[in-house]
């Protein structure tokens, strides 16, 4: 994260569900947060499923494809990279992602999507 970016304190690490998703509101937009404790990594992607037209990705199934962490939509099962939001089934679809970090068990997020 750049030093010019204003980071927002979003939640505590204890609010995150290991190997699963939760939803948070960031600047009026739903963001799906995924905590993968084996890697001690948190990912933030758009909660909106562009195929199902619903805010449901935080309820998706977490897994991996060739060591890339993914979430499968609970509606039509399209899979999205947690790293960059790229859809595996349709290369023209890419979700917004946010830069996040854990600092002293507090999740910080850059409110500007990438």
Protein backbone atom coordinates (compact mmCIF):
# COMPACT_ATOMS: atom_id res chain seq x y z
CA UNK A 1 0.00 0.00 0.00
CA UNK A 2 1.22 3.46 -0.76
CA UNK A 3 1.86 5.99 1.97
CA UNK A 4 -0.50 8.48 0.28
CA UNK A 5 -3.45 6.14 0.68
CA UNK A 6 -5.85 6.61 3.56
CA UNK A 7 -6.42 3.19 5.08
CA UNK A 8 -9.66 2.37 6.84
CA UNK A 9 -9.80 0.18 9.92
CA UNK A 10 -12.49 -2.30 8.90
CA UNK A 11 -12.73 -5.01 11.57
CA UNK A 12 -10.72 -7.18 13.91
CA UNK A 13 -9.15 -10.45 12.85
CA UNK A 14 -11.56 -12.20 15.23
CA UNK A 15 -14.48 -10.97 13.07
CA UNK A 16 -13.18 -12.96 10.09
CA UNK A 17 -14.22 -16.57 9.54
CA UNK A 18 -11.26 -18.83 8.65
CA UNK A 19 -11.46 -20.33 5.14
CA UNK A 20 -14.76 -18.59 4.52
CA UNK A 21 -16.18 -15.21 3.61
CA UNK A 22 -17.83 -12.30 5.35
CA UNK A 23 -19.27 -9.13 3.86
CA UNK A 24 -18.39 -5.55 4.78
CA UNK A 25 -19.60 -2.20 3.53
CA UNK A 26 -16.76 0.01 2.27
CA UNK A 27 -17.71 3.47 0.99
CA UNK A 28 -21.22 2.21 0.22
CA UNK A 29 -20.02 -0.86 -1.68
CA UNK A 30 -20.29 -4.48 -0.53
CA UNK A 31 -16.88 -6.13 -0.25
CA UNK A 32 -16.40 -9.87 0.32
CA UNK A 33 -13.53 -10.63 2.73
CA UNK A 34 -11.84 -14.02 2.81
CA UNK A 35 -9.38 -15.06 5.53
CA UNK A 36 -7.04 -17.96 4.70
CA UNK A 37 -5.24 -18.74 7.98
CA UNK A 38 -2.78 -21.26 6.50
CA UNK A 39 -1.24 -18.40 4.51
CA UNK A 40 -2.18 -15.77 7.12
CA UNK A 41 -3.71 -13.87 4.20
CA UNK A 42 -6.89 -11.83 3.77
CA UNK A 43 -8.40 -11.08 0.35
CA UNK A 44 -11.05 -8.52 -0.56
CA UNK A 45 -13.14 -8.75 -3.74
CA UNK A 46 -16.44 -7.34 -4.96
CA UNK A 47 -19.35 -9.15 -3.29
CA UNK A 48 -21.50 -8.73 -6.43
CA UNK A 49 -21.79 -11.81 -8.65
CA UNK A 50 -22.01 -10.42 -12.20
CA UNK A 51 -23.59 -13.62 -13.52
CA UNK A 52 -26.27 -14.08 -10.86
CA UNK A 53 -26.74 -10.30 -10.42
CA UNK A 54 -26.74 -10.65 -6.63
CA UNK A 55 -24.46 -9.72 -3.73
CA UNK A 56 -23.55 -13.27 -2.70
CA UNK A 57 -19.85 -13.98 -3.26
CA UNK A 58 -19.05 -13.74 0.47
CA UNK A 59 -21.19 -16.90 0.80
CA UNK A 60 -19.27 -18.75 -1.90
CA UNK A 61 -17.10 -21.84 -1.57
CA UNK A 62 -13.39 -21.16 -1.05
CA UNK A 63 -10.84 -23.38 -2.78
CA UNK A 64 -7.87 -23.19 -5.12
CA UNK A 65 -6.98 -23.82 -8.75
CA UNK A 66 -3.28 -24.47 -9.43
CA UNK A 67 -2.34 -22.82 -6.11
CA UNK A 68 -4.48 -19.74 -6.85
CA UNK A 69 -7.05 -19.10 -4.10
CA UNK A 70 -10.57 -18.84 -5.54
CA UNK A 71 -14.18 -18.45 -4.53
CA UNK A 72 -16.99 -20.21 -6.39
CA UNK A 73 -20.24 -18.30 -6.62
CA UNK A 74 -23.02 -19.97 -4.63
CA UNK A 75 -25.41 -19.31 -7.53
CA UNK A 76 -23.98 -20.52 -10.84
CA UNK A 77 -20.57 -21.68 -9.54
CA UNK A 78 -18.31 -19.41 -11.61
CA UNK A 79 -14.92 -19.24 -9.94
CA UNK A 80 -13.07 -16.00 -9.26
CA UNK A 81 -9.44 -15.50 -8.25
CA UNK A 82 -9.16 -13.98 -4.79
CA UNK A 83 -5.88 -12.38 -5.88
CA UNK A 84 -7.05 -10.33 -8.86
CA UNK A 85 -10.80 -11.03 -9.29
CA UNK A 86 -10.38 -12.77 -12.65
CA UNK A 87 -13.18 -15.18 -13.59
CA UNK A 88 -11.87 -18.60 -14.62
CA UNK A 89 -14.89 -19.42 -16.81
CA UNK A 90 -15.07 -16.10 -18.69
CA UNK A 91 -11.84 -14.17 -19.28
CA UNK A 92 -13.80 -11.00 -20.09
CA UNK A 93 -15.11 -10.79 -16.50
CA UNK A 94 -12.95 -9.47 -13.69
CA UNK A 95 -14.14 -8.33 -10.26
CA UNK A 96 -12.83 -5.33 -8.40
CA UNK A 97 -10.37 -6.13 -5.61
CA UNK A 98 -9.14 -4.12 -2.65
CA UNK A 99 -5.75 -4.01 -1.02
CA UNK A 100 -5.94 -5.17 2.60
CA UNK A 101 -3.51 -5.88 5.41
CA UNK A 102 -3.62 -7.17 8.96
CA UNK A 103 -1.87 -4.95 11.47
CA UNK A 104 -1.98 -5.82 15.17
CA UNK A 105 -5.02 -8.06 14.53
CA UNK A 106 -6.90 -5.20 12.85
CA UNK A 107 -7.90 -5.45 9.18
CA UNK A 108 -7.03 -2.33 7.22
CA UNK A 109 -8.39 -1.69 3.73
CA UNK A 110 -7.60 0.82 1.01
CA UNK A 111 -11.13 2.09 0.19
CA UNK A 112 -10.24 2.59 -3.49
CA UNK A 113 -10.84 -0.59 -5.52
CA UNK A 114 -8.13 -1.83 -7.86
